[in-house]
């Protein structure tokens, strides 16, 4: 079931409208459904898409980060330099964790028709932002 934070049930419609409005002004939109932490999880887990409840994100992410002797504060949502360094580091198989996340996010987005982003979970377009930023390295 999609995340609908407002009791009036308009959250999904508002989310989709916000994306449409931004795109009508020729802005590119990067989002994660249900939350940004889904993008972080894809650095470590080959999640195949499909709904993953946001209440599971923090525990799952911190399970992966334990191997680096660190944790993520889901309330603060701070991406520290230490966390950033881990996300962009090379995994044991020689590929960067960031590249894993990009590939997984792209693959998962192929399962959706992009007509109703509020219902397309779990998904993320953050990879598009990251790829754009990588051009400036």
C-alpha atoms as a PDB file:
ATOM      1  CA  UNK A   1       0.000   0.000   0.000  1.00  0.00           C
ATOM      2  CA  UNK A   2       1.408   3.434  -0.889  1.00  0.00           C
ATOM      3  CA  UNK A   3       2.339   5.941   1.750  1.00  0.00           C
ATOM      4  CA  UNK A   4      -0.454   8.467   2.279  1.00  0.00           C
ATOM      5  CA  UNK A   5       0.479  10.772   5.172  1.00  0.00           C
ATOM      6  CA  UNK A   6      -2.567  13.003   5.101  1.00  0.00           C
ATOM      7  CA  UNK A   7      -5.895  11.850   6.418  1.00  0.00           C
ATOM      8  CA  UNK A   8      -7.734  13.404   3.477  1.00  0.00           C
ATOM      9  CA  UNK A   9      -6.163  10.883   1.129  1.00  0.00           C
ATOM     10  CA  UNK A  10      -4.759  13.528  -1.215  1.00  0.00           C
ATOM     11  CA  UNK A  11      -1.082  12.792  -0.626  1.00  0.00           C
ATOM     12  CA  UNK A  12      -0.694  10.561  -3.699  1.00  0.00           C
ATOM     13  CA  UNK A  13      -2.466  13.056  -5.943  1.00  0.00           C
ATOM     14  CA  UNK A  14      -0.404  15.911  -4.504  1.00  0.00           C
ATOM     15  CA  UNK A  15       2.815  13.960  -5.048  1.00  0.00           C
ATOM     16  CA  UNK A  16       1.964  13.235  -8.676  1.00  0.00           C
ATOM     17  CA  UNK A  17       0.808  16.817  -9.277  1.00  0.00           C
ATOM     18  CA  UNK A  18       4.014  18.226  -7.793  1.00  0.00           C
ATOM     19  CA  UNK A  19       6.047  16.120 -10.218  1.00  0.00           C
ATOM     20  CA  UNK A  20       3.878  17.175 -13.169  1.00  0.00           C
ATOM     21  CA  UNK A  21       4.122  20.847 -12.269  1.00  0.00           C
ATOM     22  CA  UNK A  22       7.898  20.682 -11.879  1.00  0.00           C
ATOM     23  CA  UNK A  23       8.253  18.908 -15.219  1.00  0.00           C
ATOM     24  CA  UNK A  24       5.956  21.443 -16.911  1.00  0.00           C
ATOM     25  CA  UNK A  25       8.552  24.066 -15.937  1.00  0.00           C
ATOM     26  CA  UNK A  26      11.246  21.806 -17.427  1.00  0.00           C
ATOM     27  CA  UNK A  27      12.675  20.790 -14.069  1.00  0.00           C
ATOM     28  CA  UNK A  28      13.949  17.268 -13.631  1.00  0.00           C
ATOM     29  CA  UNK A  29      12.657  15.474 -10.557  1.00  0.00           C
ATOM     30  CA  UNK A  30      14.496  12.970  -8.375  1.00  0.00           C
ATOM     31  CA  UNK A  31      12.479  11.197  -5.696  1.00  0.00           C
ATOM     32  CA  UNK A  32      12.382   7.956  -3.767  1.00  0.00           C
ATOM     33  CA  UNK A  33       9.144   6.182  -2.988  1.00  0.00           C
ATOM     34  CA  UNK A  34       8.606   5.621  -0.077  1.00  0.00           C
ATOM     35  CA  UNK A  35      11.660   7.461   1.280  1.00  0.00           C
ATOM     36  CA  UNK A  36      15.203   8.552   0.438  1.00  0.00           C
ATOM     37  CA  UNK A  37      16.568   5.688   2.515  1.00  0.00           C
ATOM     38  CA  UNK A  38      15.418   3.302  -0.236  1.00  0.00           C
ATOM     39  CA  UNK A  39      18.132   4.806  -2.457  1.00  0.00           C
ATOM     40  CA  UNK A  40      20.689   4.173   0.297  1.00  0.00           C
ATOM     41  CA  UNK A  41      19.579   0.560   0.715  1.00  0.00           C
ATOM     42  CA  UNK A  42      20.133  -0.099  -2.993  1.00  0.00           C
ATOM     43  CA  UNK A  43      23.845   0.513  -2.444  1.00  0.00           C
ATOM     44  CA  UNK A  44      23.985  -2.728  -0.455  1.00  0.00           C
ATOM     45  CA  UNK A  45      20.938  -4.804  -1.373  1.00  0.00           C
ATOM     46  CA  UNK A  46      19.683  -6.064  -4.694  1.00  0.00           C
ATOM     47  CA  UNK A  47      16.082  -5.235  -3.881  1.00  0.00           C
ATOM     48  CA  UNK A  48      13.947  -6.118  -6.876  1.00  0.00           C
ATOM     49  CA  UNK A  49      11.413  -3.339  -6.425  1.00  0.00           C
ATOM     50  CA  UNK A  50       7.973  -3.977  -5.018  1.00  0.00           C
ATOM     51  CA  UNK A  51       6.688  -2.401  -1.859  1.00  0.00           C
ATOM     52  CA  UNK A  52       9.047  -2.141   1.084  1.00  0.00           C
ATOM     53  CA  UNK A  53       7.574  -0.388   4.093  1.00  0.00           C
ATOM     54  CA  UNK A  54       9.460   2.712   5.173  1.00  0.00           C
ATOM     55  CA  UNK A  55       9.361   1.510   8.770  1.00  0.00           C
ATOM     56  CA  UNK A  56      11.821  -1.229   7.724  1.00  0.00           C
ATOM     57  CA  UNK A  57      14.300   1.080   5.989  1.00  0.00           C
ATOM     58  CA  UNK A  58      16.328   2.259   8.974  1.00  0.00           C
ATOM     59  CA  UNK A  59      16.805  -1.165  10.522  1.00  0.00           C
ATOM     60  CA  UNK A  60      17.758  -2.672   7.165  1.00  0.00           C
ATOM     61  CA  UNK A  61      20.176   0.146   6.335  1.00  0.00           C
ATOM     62  CA  UNK A  62      21.841  -0.013   9.731  1.00  0.00           C
ATOM     63  CA  UNK A  63      22.264  -3.769   9.373  1.00  0.00           C
ATOM     64  CA  UNK A  64      24.363  -3.118   6.266  1.00  0.00           C
ATOM     65  CA  UNK A  65      26.264  -0.224   7.829  1.00  0.00           C
ATOM     66  CA  UNK A  66      27.216  -2.293  10.893  1.00  0.00           C
ATOM     67  CA  UNK A  67      30.024  -3.920   8.865  1.00  0.00           C
ATOM     68  CA  UNK A  68      31.560  -0.434   8.622  1.00  0.00           C
ATOM     69  CA  UNK A  69      31.028   0.171  12.354  1.00  0.00           C
ATOM     70  CA  UNK A  70      28.640   3.036  11.795  1.00  0.00           C
ATOM     71  CA  UNK A  71      24.910   3.729  11.777  1.00  0.00           C
ATOM     72  CA  UNK A  72      22.487   6.060  10.062  1.00  0.00           C
ATOM     73  CA  UNK A  73      20.195   8.361  12.039  1.00  0.00           C
ATOM     74  CA  UNK A  74      16.864   8.006  10.250  1.00  0.00           C
ATOM     75  CA  UNK A  75      15.366  10.890  12.193  1.00  0.00           C
ATOM     76  CA  UNK A  76      18.168  13.303  11.353  1.00  0.00           C
ATOM     77  CA  UNK A  77      18.689  12.029   7.794  1.00  0.00           C
ATOM     78  CA  UNK A  78      22.220  13.441   7.789  1.00  0.00           C
ATOM     79  CA  UNK A  79      24.569  12.114   5.129  1.00  0.00           C
ATOM     80  CA  UNK A  80      27.891  12.474   6.904  1.00  0.00           C
ATOM     81  CA  UNK A  81      31.200  12.485   5.073  1.00  0.00           C
ATOM     82  CA  UNK A  82      31.855   9.036   6.537  1.00  0.00           C
ATOM     83  CA  UNK A  83      28.591   7.670   5.113  1.00  0.00           C
ATOM     84  CA  UNK A  84      29.192   9.372   1.767  1.00  0.00           C
ATOM     85  CA  UNK A  85      32.645   7.800   1.587  1.00  0.00           C
ATOM     86  CA  UNK A  86      31.141   4.356   2.180  1.00  0.00           C
ATOM     87  CA  UNK A  87      28.400   4.842  -0.429  1.00  0.00           C
ATOM     88  CA  UNK A  88      30.970   5.825  -3.046  1.00  0.00           C
ATOM     89  CA  UNK A  89      33.608   3.264  -2.057  1.00  0.00           C
ATOM     90  CA  UNK A  90      34.483   0.084  -3.893  1.00  0.00           C
ATOM     91  CA  UNK A  91      32.661  -3.085  -2.846  1.00  0.00           C
ATOM     92  CA  UNK A  92      34.620  -6.339  -2.382  1.00  0.00           C
ATOM     93  CA  UNK A  93      33.854  -7.409  -5.971  1.00  0.00           C
ATOM     94  CA  UNK A  94      35.530  -4.318  -7.440  1.00  0.00           C
ATOM     95  CA  UNK A  95      32.451  -2.258  -8.342  1.00  0.00           C
ATOM     96  CA  UNK A  96      31.425   0.829  -6.391  1.00  0.00           C
ATOM     97  CA  UNK A  97      28.422   0.637  -4.098  1.00  0.00           C
ATOM     98  CA  UNK A  98      27.109   3.702  -5.898  1.00  0.00           C
ATOM     99  CA  UNK A  99      27.251   1.904  -9.251  1.00  0.00           C
ATOM    100  CA  UNK A 100      25.295  -0.994  -7.756  1.00  0.00           C
ATOM    101  CA  UNK A 101      22.620   1.445  -6.569  1.00  0.00           C
ATOM    102  CA  UNK A 102      22.397   3.130  -9.973  1.00  0.00           C
ATOM    103  CA  UNK A 103      22.044  -0.171 -11.828  1.00  0.00           C
ATOM    104  CA  UNK A 104      19.471  -1.524  -9.394  1.00  0.00           C
ATOM    105  CA  UNK A 105      17.408   1.667  -9.411  1.00  0.00           C
ATOM    106  CA  UNK A 106      17.377   1.774 -13.223  1.00  0.00           C
ATOM    107  CA  UNK A 107      16.326  -1.852 -13.466  1.00  0.00           C
ATOM    108  CA  UNK A 108      13.556  -1.376 -10.915  1.00  0.00           C
ATOM    109  CA  UNK A 109      12.215   1.711 -12.707  1.00  0.00           C
ATOM    110  CA  UNK A 110      11.790  -0.370 -15.876  1.00  0.00           C
ATOM    111  CA  UNK A 111       8.946  -2.209 -14.111  1.00  0.00           C
ATOM    112  CA  UNK A 112       6.837   0.956 -13.964  1.00  0.00           C
ATOM    113  CA  UNK A 113       5.110   2.989 -16.657  1.00  0.00           C
ATOM    114  CA  UNK A 114       5.803   6.258 -14.790  1.00  0.00           C
ATOM    115  CA  UNK A 115       2.195   7.415 -15.042  1.00  0.00           C
ATOM    116  CA  UNK A 116       1.481   7.266 -11.306  1.00  0.00           C
ATOM    117  CA  UNK A 117       4.745   7.759  -9.370  1.00  0.00           C
ATOM    118  CA  UNK A 118       2.973   7.788  -6.003  1.00  0.00           C
ATOM    119  CA  UNK A 119       2.057   4.135  -6.480  1.00  0.00           C
ATOM    120  CA  UNK A 120       5.372   3.016  -7.972  1.00  0.00           C
ATOM    121  CA  UNK A 121       7.084   1.547  -4.969  1.00  0.00           C
ATOM    122  CA  UNK A 122       9.637   0.848  -4.081  1.00  0.00           C
ATOM    123  CA  UNK A 123      11.392   3.056  -6.604  1.00  0.00           C
ATOM    124  CA  UNK A 124      13.852   5.911  -6.861  1.00  0.00           C
ATOM    125  CA  UNK A 125      14.988   8.399  -9.470  1.00  0.00           C
ATOM    126  CA  UNK A 126      17.890   9.644  -7.351  1.00  0.00           C
ATOM    127  CA  UNK A 127      20.197   7.789  -9.741  1.00  0.00           C
ATOM    128  CA  UNK A 128      19.413  10.423 -12.385  1.00  0.00           C
ATOM    129  CA  UNK A 129      20.609  13.191 -10.079  1.00  0.00           C
ATOM    130  CA  UNK A 130      23.745  11.240  -9.166  1.00  0.00           C
ATOM    131  CA  UNK A 131      24.557  10.566 -12.818  1.00  0.00           C
ATOM    132  CA  UNK A 132      24.147  14.268 -13.595  1.00  0.00           C
ATOM    133  CA  UNK A 133      26.411  15.279 -10.708  1.00  0.00           C
ATOM    134  CA  UNK A 134      29.022  12.722 -11.758  1.00  0.00           C
ATOM    135  CA  UNK A 135      29.484  14.664 -15.000  1.00  0.00           C
ATOM    136  CA  UNK A 136      31.045  17.497 -12.993  1.00  0.00           C
ATOM    137  CA  UNK A 137      33.738  15.428 -11.271  1.00  0.00           C
END
